[in-house]
N, C-alpha and C. Protein backbone atom coordinates (compact mmCIF):
# COMPACT_ATOMS: atom_id res chain seq x y z
N MET A 1 19.74 -84.40 -19.33
CA MET A 1 18.82 -85.19 -20.08
C MET A 1 18.75 -84.65 -21.52
N GLU A 2 18.80 -83.33 -21.66
CA GLU A 2 18.73 -82.71 -22.97
C GLU A 2 19.90 -83.13 -23.85
N LEU A 3 21.09 -83.20 -23.26
CA LEU A 3 22.27 -83.61 -24.01
C LEU A 3 22.17 -85.07 -24.43
N GLU A 4 21.64 -85.92 -23.52
CA GLU A 4 21.49 -87.34 -23.86
C GLU A 4 20.53 -87.53 -25.02
N GLN A 5 19.41 -86.80 -25.00
CA GLN A 5 18.43 -86.91 -26.07
C GLN A 5 19.00 -86.46 -27.40
N SER A 6 19.75 -85.35 -27.39
CA SER A 6 20.32 -84.87 -28.65
C SER A 6 21.38 -85.82 -29.17
N ALA A 7 22.13 -86.45 -28.25
CA ALA A 7 23.14 -87.42 -28.68
C ALA A 7 22.48 -88.66 -29.25
N GLN A 8 21.40 -89.14 -28.63
CA GLN A 8 20.69 -90.31 -29.12
C GLN A 8 20.05 -90.03 -30.47
N ALA A 9 19.50 -88.83 -30.66
CA ALA A 9 18.87 -88.47 -31.93
C ALA A 9 19.91 -88.43 -33.04
N THR A 10 21.10 -87.93 -32.75
CA THR A 10 22.16 -87.86 -33.75
C THR A 10 22.62 -89.25 -34.15
N VAL A 11 22.73 -90.16 -33.17
CA VAL A 11 23.17 -91.52 -33.45
C VAL A 11 22.14 -92.24 -34.30
N SER A 12 20.85 -92.04 -34.02
CA SER A 12 19.81 -92.75 -34.76
C SER A 12 19.54 -92.12 -36.12
N GLY A 13 20.10 -90.95 -36.39
CA GLY A 13 19.93 -90.32 -37.69
C GLY A 13 18.78 -89.34 -37.73
N ASN A 14 18.03 -89.23 -36.66
CA ASN A 14 16.92 -88.28 -36.60
C ASN A 14 17.35 -87.09 -35.77
N ALA A 15 18.31 -86.37 -36.23
CA ALA A 15 18.86 -85.26 -35.46
C ALA A 15 17.90 -84.09 -35.48
N THR A 16 17.27 -83.88 -34.36
CA THR A 16 16.42 -82.71 -34.20
C THR A 16 16.92 -81.95 -33.00
N PRO A 17 16.96 -80.64 -33.10
CA PRO A 17 17.50 -79.88 -31.99
C PRO A 17 16.59 -79.95 -30.78
N ALA A 18 17.20 -80.06 -29.60
CA ALA A 18 16.45 -80.07 -28.36
C ALA A 18 16.03 -78.65 -28.03
N SER A 19 15.05 -78.52 -27.17
CA SER A 19 14.59 -77.17 -26.84
C SER A 19 15.71 -76.41 -26.16
N GLY A 20 15.80 -75.11 -26.46
CA GLY A 20 16.84 -74.27 -25.88
C GLY A 20 18.17 -74.39 -26.59
N THR A 21 18.22 -75.04 -27.74
CA THR A 21 19.46 -75.19 -28.47
C THR A 21 19.34 -74.51 -29.82
N THR A 22 20.46 -74.24 -30.42
CA THR A 22 20.48 -73.58 -31.70
C THR A 22 21.05 -74.53 -32.74
N PRO A 23 20.27 -74.88 -33.81
CA PRO A 23 20.83 -75.75 -34.85
C PRO A 23 21.77 -74.97 -35.74
N ARG A 24 22.82 -75.65 -36.20
CA ARG A 24 23.77 -75.05 -37.13
C ARG A 24 24.08 -76.04 -38.22
N VAL A 25 24.27 -75.55 -39.45
CA VAL A 25 24.70 -76.40 -40.54
C VAL A 25 26.21 -76.44 -40.49
N VAL A 26 26.76 -77.65 -40.46
CA VAL A 26 28.20 -77.81 -40.31
C VAL A 26 28.90 -77.52 -41.62
N SER A 27 28.43 -78.08 -42.71
CA SER A 27 29.12 -77.94 -43.98
C SER A 27 28.11 -77.56 -45.06
N PRO A 28 28.07 -76.27 -45.47
CA PRO A 28 27.10 -75.86 -46.47
C PRO A 28 27.37 -76.47 -47.85
N GLN A 29 28.59 -76.92 -48.13
CA GLN A 29 28.91 -77.49 -49.42
C GLN A 29 28.44 -78.93 -49.55
N SER A 30 28.21 -79.62 -48.45
CA SER A 30 27.86 -81.03 -48.54
C SER A 30 26.41 -81.18 -48.99
N THR A 31 26.11 -82.33 -49.55
CA THR A 31 24.75 -82.59 -50.02
C THR A 31 23.87 -83.01 -48.86
N GLU A 32 24.47 -83.50 -47.78
CA GLU A 32 23.73 -83.88 -46.59
C GLU A 32 23.73 -82.72 -45.63
N GLU A 33 22.61 -82.47 -45.03
CA GLU A 33 22.56 -81.42 -44.02
C GLU A 33 22.80 -82.06 -42.66
N LYS A 34 23.77 -81.56 -41.95
CA LYS A 34 24.08 -82.08 -40.63
C LYS A 34 23.65 -81.04 -39.62
N VAL A 35 23.04 -81.47 -38.56
CA VAL A 35 22.58 -80.56 -37.52
C VAL A 35 23.38 -80.85 -36.26
N VAL A 36 23.93 -79.80 -35.71
CA VAL A 36 24.69 -79.92 -34.47
C VAL A 36 23.97 -79.06 -33.45
N THR A 37 23.74 -79.61 -32.28
CA THR A 37 23.08 -78.81 -31.25
C THR A 37 24.13 -78.22 -30.33
N THR A 38 23.87 -77.00 -29.93
CA THR A 38 24.74 -76.34 -28.97
C THR A 38 23.89 -75.94 -27.78
N VAL A 39 24.50 -75.91 -26.63
CA VAL A 39 23.78 -75.56 -25.42
C VAL A 39 24.48 -74.37 -24.79
N ASP A 40 23.70 -73.35 -24.49
CA ASP A 40 24.26 -72.20 -23.78
C ASP A 40 24.29 -72.53 -22.30
N ILE A 41 25.47 -72.44 -21.71
CA ILE A 41 25.60 -72.69 -20.28
C ILE A 41 25.84 -71.34 -19.61
N GLN A 42 24.92 -70.92 -18.81
CA GLN A 42 25.01 -69.66 -18.11
C GLN A 42 25.66 -69.88 -16.76
N PRO A 43 26.40 -68.91 -16.25
CA PRO A 43 26.99 -69.07 -14.92
C PRO A 43 25.88 -69.17 -13.88
N LEU A 44 26.16 -69.91 -12.80
CA LEU A 44 25.15 -70.09 -11.76
C LEU A 44 24.81 -68.79 -11.06
N LEU A 45 25.81 -68.02 -10.72
CA LEU A 45 25.60 -66.74 -10.07
C LEU A 45 26.42 -65.67 -10.77
N PRO A 46 25.88 -64.99 -11.77
CA PRO A 46 26.66 -63.97 -12.44
C PRO A 46 27.07 -62.88 -11.46
N ASP A 47 28.24 -62.30 -11.70
CA ASP A 47 28.77 -61.28 -10.80
C ASP A 47 27.90 -60.03 -10.74
N ASP A 48 27.22 -59.71 -11.85
CA ASP A 48 26.45 -58.48 -11.89
C ASP A 48 25.01 -58.67 -11.39
N GLU A 49 24.61 -59.88 -11.00
CA GLU A 49 23.24 -60.13 -10.55
C GLU A 49 23.27 -60.64 -9.12
N PRO A 50 22.55 -60.00 -8.22
CA PRO A 50 22.54 -60.49 -6.83
C PRO A 50 21.90 -61.85 -6.73
N ALA A 51 22.35 -62.64 -5.78
CA ALA A 51 21.86 -64.00 -5.61
C ALA A 51 20.38 -64.03 -5.28
N SER A 52 19.85 -63.01 -4.61
CA SER A 52 18.45 -63.03 -4.21
C SER A 52 17.50 -62.98 -5.39
N THR A 53 17.90 -62.44 -6.53
CA THR A 53 17.02 -62.37 -7.69
C THR A 53 17.26 -63.49 -8.67
N ALA A 54 18.20 -64.38 -8.39
CA ALA A 54 18.54 -65.43 -9.33
C ALA A 54 17.40 -66.43 -9.51
N ALA A 55 16.73 -66.80 -8.43
CA ALA A 55 15.63 -67.76 -8.54
C ALA A 55 14.52 -67.33 -7.59
N GLU A 56 13.51 -66.66 -8.12
CA GLU A 56 12.45 -66.13 -7.27
C GLU A 56 11.43 -67.20 -6.90
N ASP A 57 11.05 -68.05 -7.83
CA ASP A 57 9.99 -69.02 -7.59
C ASP A 57 10.51 -70.36 -7.09
N GLY A 58 11.70 -70.74 -7.49
CA GLY A 58 12.24 -72.06 -7.17
C GLY A 58 12.88 -72.10 -5.81
N PRO A 59 13.59 -73.20 -5.54
CA PRO A 59 14.28 -73.32 -4.26
C PRO A 59 15.38 -72.28 -4.14
N ALA A 60 15.82 -72.06 -2.93
CA ALA A 60 16.87 -71.06 -2.69
C ALA A 60 18.13 -71.44 -3.46
N PRO A 61 18.76 -70.45 -4.07
CA PRO A 61 19.98 -70.76 -4.84
C PRO A 61 21.11 -71.15 -3.90
N ALA A 62 22.04 -71.91 -4.44
CA ALA A 62 23.20 -72.33 -3.67
C ALA A 62 24.01 -71.10 -3.27
N SER A 63 24.60 -71.16 -2.09
CA SER A 63 25.42 -70.04 -1.65
C SER A 63 26.65 -69.93 -2.54
N ARG A 64 27.19 -68.76 -2.59
CA ARG A 64 28.39 -68.52 -3.40
C ARG A 64 29.52 -69.45 -2.97
N ALA A 65 29.66 -69.67 -1.67
CA ALA A 65 30.72 -70.56 -1.17
C ALA A 65 30.49 -71.99 -1.65
N THR A 66 29.25 -72.45 -1.66
CA THR A 66 28.94 -73.80 -2.12
C THR A 66 29.27 -73.95 -3.60
N VAL A 67 28.94 -72.93 -4.38
CA VAL A 67 29.24 -72.96 -5.81
C VAL A 67 30.75 -73.00 -6.02
N LEU A 68 31.48 -72.22 -5.24
CA LEU A 68 32.94 -72.21 -5.35
C LEU A 68 33.54 -73.56 -4.97
N LEU A 69 32.97 -74.21 -3.95
CA LEU A 69 33.46 -75.53 -3.57
C LEU A 69 33.24 -76.54 -4.69
N GLY A 70 32.09 -76.48 -5.32
CA GLY A 70 31.80 -77.39 -6.43
C GLY A 70 32.71 -77.13 -7.62
N LYS A 71 32.90 -75.87 -7.93
CA LYS A 71 33.79 -75.52 -9.05
C LYS A 71 35.22 -75.96 -8.75
N GLY A 72 35.66 -75.69 -7.54
CA GLY A 72 37.02 -76.09 -7.14
C GLY A 72 37.20 -77.59 -7.20
N GLN A 73 36.18 -78.35 -6.76
CA GLN A 73 36.29 -79.81 -6.80
C GLN A 73 36.35 -80.30 -8.25
N ALA A 74 35.57 -79.68 -9.12
CA ALA A 74 35.62 -80.06 -10.54
C ALA A 74 37.01 -79.79 -11.11
N LEU A 75 37.58 -78.65 -10.77
CA LEU A 75 38.93 -78.33 -11.24
C LEU A 75 39.95 -79.30 -10.66
N LEU A 76 39.77 -79.65 -9.41
CA LEU A 76 40.68 -80.60 -8.77
C LEU A 76 40.60 -81.96 -9.46
N ASN A 77 39.40 -82.37 -9.83
CA ASN A 77 39.21 -83.63 -10.55
C ASN A 77 39.87 -83.60 -11.93
N LEU A 78 40.03 -82.40 -12.48
CA LEU A 78 40.68 -82.23 -13.79
C LEU A 78 42.17 -81.96 -13.65
N ASP A 79 42.71 -82.21 -12.47
CA ASP A 79 44.14 -81.97 -12.17
C ASP A 79 44.56 -80.52 -12.38
N SER A 80 43.66 -79.61 -12.09
CA SER A 80 43.96 -78.17 -12.12
C SER A 80 43.99 -77.67 -10.69
N ALA A 81 45.04 -78.04 -9.98
CA ALA A 81 45.11 -77.78 -8.54
C ALA A 81 45.21 -76.29 -8.21
N GLU A 82 45.96 -75.52 -8.98
CA GLU A 82 46.11 -74.08 -8.69
C GLU A 82 44.78 -73.35 -8.75
N PRO A 83 44.03 -73.46 -9.88
CA PRO A 83 42.72 -72.77 -9.91
C PRO A 83 41.76 -73.32 -8.86
N ALA A 84 41.84 -74.61 -8.57
CA ALA A 84 40.99 -75.20 -7.54
C ALA A 84 41.30 -74.57 -6.18
N LEU A 85 42.57 -74.43 -5.90
CA LEU A 85 43.01 -73.83 -4.65
C LEU A 85 42.46 -72.40 -4.52
N GLN A 86 42.47 -71.65 -5.62
CA GLN A 86 41.92 -70.29 -5.60
C GLN A 86 40.43 -70.30 -5.26
N CYS A 87 39.70 -71.26 -5.80
CA CYS A 87 38.27 -71.38 -5.49
C CYS A 87 38.06 -71.66 -4.00
N PHE A 88 38.86 -72.58 -3.46
CA PHE A 88 38.71 -72.94 -2.06
C PHE A 88 39.09 -71.77 -1.15
N GLU A 89 40.12 -71.02 -1.55
CA GLU A 89 40.52 -69.84 -0.77
C GLU A 89 39.40 -68.81 -0.77
N GLU A 90 38.77 -68.59 -1.92
CA GLU A 90 37.68 -67.63 -2.01
C GLU A 90 36.48 -68.10 -1.17
N ALA A 91 36.19 -69.39 -1.21
CA ALA A 91 35.10 -69.93 -0.39
C ALA A 91 35.39 -69.70 1.09
N LEU A 92 36.64 -69.88 1.48
CA LEU A 92 37.01 -69.67 2.89
C LEU A 92 36.96 -68.19 3.27
N SER A 93 37.18 -67.31 2.31
CA SER A 93 37.06 -65.88 2.62
C SER A 93 35.59 -65.52 2.88
N LEU A 94 34.67 -66.27 2.25
CA LEU A 94 33.24 -66.04 2.47
C LEU A 94 32.73 -66.75 3.73
N GLU A 95 33.24 -67.95 3.97
CA GLU A 95 32.84 -68.75 5.14
C GLU A 95 34.10 -69.26 5.84
N PRO A 96 34.70 -68.44 6.71
CA PRO A 96 36.00 -68.77 7.31
C PRO A 96 36.03 -70.02 8.18
N LYS A 97 34.90 -70.54 8.60
CA LYS A 97 34.89 -71.73 9.46
C LYS A 97 34.31 -72.94 8.74
N ASN A 98 34.38 -72.95 7.41
CA ASN A 98 33.82 -74.04 6.62
C ASN A 98 34.82 -75.20 6.58
N ALA A 99 34.52 -76.25 7.36
CA ALA A 99 35.44 -77.39 7.48
C ALA A 99 35.63 -78.10 6.13
N GLU A 100 34.57 -78.22 5.36
CA GLU A 100 34.68 -78.88 4.06
C GLU A 100 35.62 -78.11 3.13
N ALA A 101 35.57 -76.79 3.18
CA ALA A 101 36.46 -75.97 2.36
C ALA A 101 37.92 -76.19 2.77
N PHE A 102 38.16 -76.32 4.07
CA PHE A 102 39.53 -76.57 4.53
C PHE A 102 40.03 -77.94 4.05
N VAL A 103 39.15 -78.95 4.09
CA VAL A 103 39.56 -80.28 3.63
C VAL A 103 39.90 -80.23 2.14
N ARG A 104 39.05 -79.61 1.35
CA ARG A 104 39.31 -79.54 -0.09
C ARG A 104 40.53 -78.70 -0.40
N ARG A 105 40.75 -77.66 0.38
CA ARG A 105 41.96 -76.85 0.23
C ARG A 105 43.19 -77.73 0.49
N GLY A 106 43.10 -78.54 1.53
CA GLY A 106 44.20 -79.46 1.85
C GLY A 106 44.45 -80.44 0.70
N MET A 107 43.38 -80.92 0.09
CA MET A 107 43.54 -81.85 -1.04
C MET A 107 44.27 -81.17 -2.20
N ALA A 108 43.90 -79.92 -2.48
CA ALA A 108 44.57 -79.18 -3.55
C ALA A 108 46.05 -78.97 -3.21
N LEU A 109 46.32 -78.64 -1.97
CA LEU A 109 47.71 -78.43 -1.56
C LEU A 109 48.51 -79.73 -1.63
N GLU A 110 47.86 -80.86 -1.35
CA GLU A 110 48.54 -82.15 -1.51
C GLU A 110 48.93 -82.38 -2.96
N LYS A 111 48.01 -82.07 -3.89
CA LYS A 111 48.33 -82.24 -5.32
C LYS A 111 49.51 -81.36 -5.72
N LEU A 112 49.62 -80.21 -5.06
CA LEU A 112 50.75 -79.31 -5.32
C LEU A 112 51.98 -79.68 -4.50
N GLN A 113 51.87 -80.76 -3.73
CA GLN A 113 52.93 -81.27 -2.87
C GLN A 113 53.42 -80.25 -1.84
N ASP A 114 52.49 -79.44 -1.35
CA ASP A 114 52.77 -78.51 -0.28
C ASP A 114 52.26 -79.16 1.01
N TRP A 115 53.06 -80.09 1.53
CA TRP A 115 52.62 -80.96 2.61
C TRP A 115 52.32 -80.21 3.91
N GLU A 116 53.17 -79.27 4.28
CA GLU A 116 52.98 -78.53 5.53
C GLU A 116 51.70 -77.70 5.49
N GLN A 117 51.46 -77.03 4.37
CA GLN A 117 50.23 -76.23 4.25
C GLN A 117 49.00 -77.13 4.23
N ALA A 118 49.12 -78.29 3.59
CA ALA A 118 48.00 -79.24 3.56
C ALA A 118 47.69 -79.71 4.98
N LEU A 119 48.73 -80.03 5.73
CA LEU A 119 48.56 -80.47 7.11
C LEU A 119 47.88 -79.37 7.93
N GLU A 120 48.31 -78.14 7.75
CA GLU A 120 47.71 -77.01 8.46
C GLU A 120 46.23 -76.86 8.07
N SER A 121 45.91 -77.09 6.82
CA SER A 121 44.53 -76.99 6.35
C SER A 121 43.66 -78.08 6.99
N TYR A 122 44.18 -79.29 7.08
CA TYR A 122 43.43 -80.37 7.73
C TYR A 122 43.25 -80.09 9.22
N ASP A 123 44.27 -79.52 9.86
CA ASP A 123 44.16 -79.15 11.26
C ASP A 123 43.05 -78.11 11.46
N ARG A 124 42.95 -77.16 10.55
CA ARG A 124 41.91 -76.13 10.65
C ARG A 124 40.53 -76.73 10.41
N ALA A 125 40.44 -77.72 9.52
CA ALA A 125 39.16 -78.41 9.29
C ALA A 125 38.72 -79.13 10.55
N ILE A 126 39.67 -79.79 11.22
CA ILE A 126 39.37 -80.50 12.46
C ILE A 126 38.97 -79.52 13.55
N GLU A 127 39.63 -78.38 13.59
CA GLU A 127 39.29 -77.34 14.56
C GLU A 127 37.85 -76.85 14.33
N ALA A 128 37.45 -76.75 13.07
CA ALA A 128 36.10 -76.28 12.74
C ALA A 128 35.04 -77.35 12.98
N ASP A 129 35.40 -78.63 12.76
CA ASP A 129 34.44 -79.73 12.93
C ASP A 129 35.19 -80.98 13.36
N GLN A 130 35.19 -81.24 14.66
CA GLN A 130 35.94 -82.36 15.20
C GLN A 130 35.35 -83.72 14.86
N SER A 131 34.17 -83.74 14.26
CA SER A 131 33.55 -85.02 13.91
C SER A 131 33.79 -85.39 12.44
N MET A 132 34.60 -84.62 11.74
CA MET A 132 34.84 -84.85 10.31
C MET A 132 35.91 -85.91 10.11
N THR A 133 35.46 -87.14 9.93
CA THR A 133 36.37 -88.29 9.81
C THR A 133 37.37 -88.12 8.68
N VAL A 134 36.92 -87.62 7.55
CA VAL A 134 37.79 -87.52 6.38
C VAL A 134 38.97 -86.58 6.64
N ALA A 135 38.78 -85.57 7.45
CA ALA A 135 39.89 -84.65 7.76
C ALA A 135 40.99 -85.39 8.51
N TYR A 136 40.60 -86.27 9.43
CA TYR A 136 41.60 -87.07 10.17
C TYR A 136 42.32 -88.04 9.23
N LEU A 137 41.56 -88.63 8.31
CA LEU A 137 42.18 -89.58 7.37
C LEU A 137 43.21 -88.89 6.48
N TYR A 138 42.82 -87.76 5.90
CA TYR A 138 43.76 -87.04 5.04
C TYR A 138 44.95 -86.52 5.83
N ARG A 139 44.70 -86.08 7.06
CA ARG A 139 45.79 -85.61 7.91
C ARG A 139 46.78 -86.76 8.16
N GLY A 140 46.24 -87.95 8.44
CA GLY A 140 47.10 -89.12 8.64
C GLY A 140 47.94 -89.43 7.42
N GLY A 141 47.36 -89.30 6.24
CA GLY A 141 48.10 -89.55 5.00
C GLY A 141 49.26 -88.59 4.81
N VAL A 142 49.02 -87.32 5.12
CA VAL A 142 50.09 -86.32 5.00
C VAL A 142 51.18 -86.59 6.03
N CYS A 143 50.78 -86.91 7.25
CA CYS A 143 51.78 -87.23 8.28
C CYS A 143 52.62 -88.43 7.86
N ASN A 144 52.00 -89.41 7.25
CA ASN A 144 52.73 -90.57 6.72
C ASN A 144 53.79 -90.14 5.71
N ARG A 145 53.39 -89.29 4.76
CA ARG A 145 54.33 -88.81 3.73
C ARG A 145 55.49 -88.04 4.35
N LEU A 146 55.19 -87.33 5.44
CA LEU A 146 56.23 -86.55 6.12
C LEU A 146 57.03 -87.40 7.10
N GLN A 147 56.75 -88.71 7.13
CA GLN A 147 57.39 -89.67 8.02
C GLN A 147 57.19 -89.31 9.50
N ARG A 148 56.03 -88.75 9.79
CA ARG A 148 55.63 -88.45 11.17
C ARG A 148 54.61 -89.53 11.56
N TYR A 149 55.14 -90.72 11.74
CA TYR A 149 54.30 -91.90 11.88
C TYR A 149 53.43 -91.90 13.14
N ARG A 150 53.96 -91.38 14.23
CA ARG A 150 53.17 -91.34 15.47
C ARG A 150 51.94 -90.45 15.27
N GLU A 151 52.14 -89.28 14.64
CA GLU A 151 51.01 -88.38 14.37
C GLU A 151 50.03 -89.02 13.38
N ALA A 152 50.56 -89.73 12.41
CA ALA A 152 49.70 -90.41 11.43
C ALA A 152 48.82 -91.44 12.14
N LEU A 153 49.43 -92.23 13.02
CA LEU A 153 48.69 -93.24 13.77
C LEU A 153 47.61 -92.59 14.64
N GLU A 154 47.94 -91.51 15.30
CA GLU A 154 46.96 -90.79 16.13
C GLU A 154 45.80 -90.28 15.28
N SER A 155 46.10 -89.78 14.09
CA SER A 155 45.05 -89.28 13.20
C SER A 155 44.14 -90.40 12.74
N TYR A 156 44.74 -91.54 12.39
CA TYR A 156 43.93 -92.69 11.95
C TYR A 156 43.06 -93.22 13.10
N GLU A 157 43.62 -93.25 14.30
CA GLU A 157 42.83 -93.71 15.45
C GLU A 157 41.68 -92.75 15.72
N GLN A 158 41.93 -91.46 15.59
CA GLN A 158 40.87 -90.46 15.79
C GLN A 158 39.80 -90.60 14.71
N ALA A 159 40.21 -90.91 13.50
CA ALA A 159 39.25 -91.13 12.42
C ALA A 159 38.34 -92.31 12.76
N LEU A 160 38.92 -93.37 13.31
CA LEU A 160 38.11 -94.53 13.72
C LEU A 160 37.12 -94.17 14.82
N ARG A 161 37.59 -93.37 15.78
CA ARG A 161 36.70 -92.97 16.88
C ARG A 161 35.55 -92.11 16.37
N THR A 162 35.84 -91.16 15.48
CA THR A 162 34.76 -90.30 14.98
C THR A 162 33.80 -91.08 14.09
N GLU A 163 34.32 -92.05 13.36
CA GLU A 163 33.46 -92.87 12.51
C GLU A 163 32.52 -93.72 13.38
N LYS A 164 33.05 -94.28 14.46
CA LYS A 164 32.21 -95.08 15.36
C LYS A 164 31.12 -94.23 16.00
N LYS A 165 31.47 -92.98 16.37
CA LYS A 165 30.48 -92.08 16.96
C LYS A 165 29.38 -91.75 15.96
N SER A 166 29.77 -91.51 14.71
CA SER A 166 28.76 -91.14 13.70
C SER A 166 27.86 -92.33 13.35
N GLN A 167 28.39 -93.54 13.43
CA GLN A 167 27.57 -94.73 13.18
C GLN A 167 26.62 -95.01 14.33
N ALA A 168 27.05 -94.69 15.55
CA ALA A 168 26.24 -94.93 16.73
C ALA A 168 25.05 -93.97 16.79
N SER A 169 25.21 -92.78 16.24
CA SER A 169 24.12 -91.80 16.34
C SER A 169 23.17 -91.83 15.20
C-alpha cells in the first residue's frame, strides 16, 4: 500500500515521502526538486537472529521452510530455475516430508528439463501426501513428455480420483 501511495503522489505531482522512506534529490542542478522514495526491504528471517525473537507481539513468524518455498517460487516465476531448486532443496533439508516442496522441486527440475529427477520428485510428493492432486497432474505431464503414456494415463486417472475425494469431503 505504501508503494502505491508514493506512486500515486508522484503521478499527481504531490510527491511526498511515505512513512519509513528516505527522500532523495535526484538532480541538484535542476531548478525543479524531484523526490524519489526508497523502501528498505529487510530479510524475513535474518541468519543472525533466531526466529523466536523476530516477532514477539504479532502472529508466529513463517517457518524457514515456508519462507524458502515462497522465495523459490518467486525465483521460479522469474525463470531462475537453478536458484529456485536450491531453495526447494534447502526447504526439504529442513522438512524432509514436505509434499509441497517436492512438487515445487519437480517444477524446477522440469524447467531444467531433468525429466527423470522431476518424476522422482513428484513420486516423493505423492509418497508424502497421496491426496495431492497436483502432484499426480505434474507426474502425468512428465510421463507424457517421456512417452510413457500408460503411466501418464494412470497419473491423470489418480488425479481425478483424488480430486473427487477432496470435493466430496
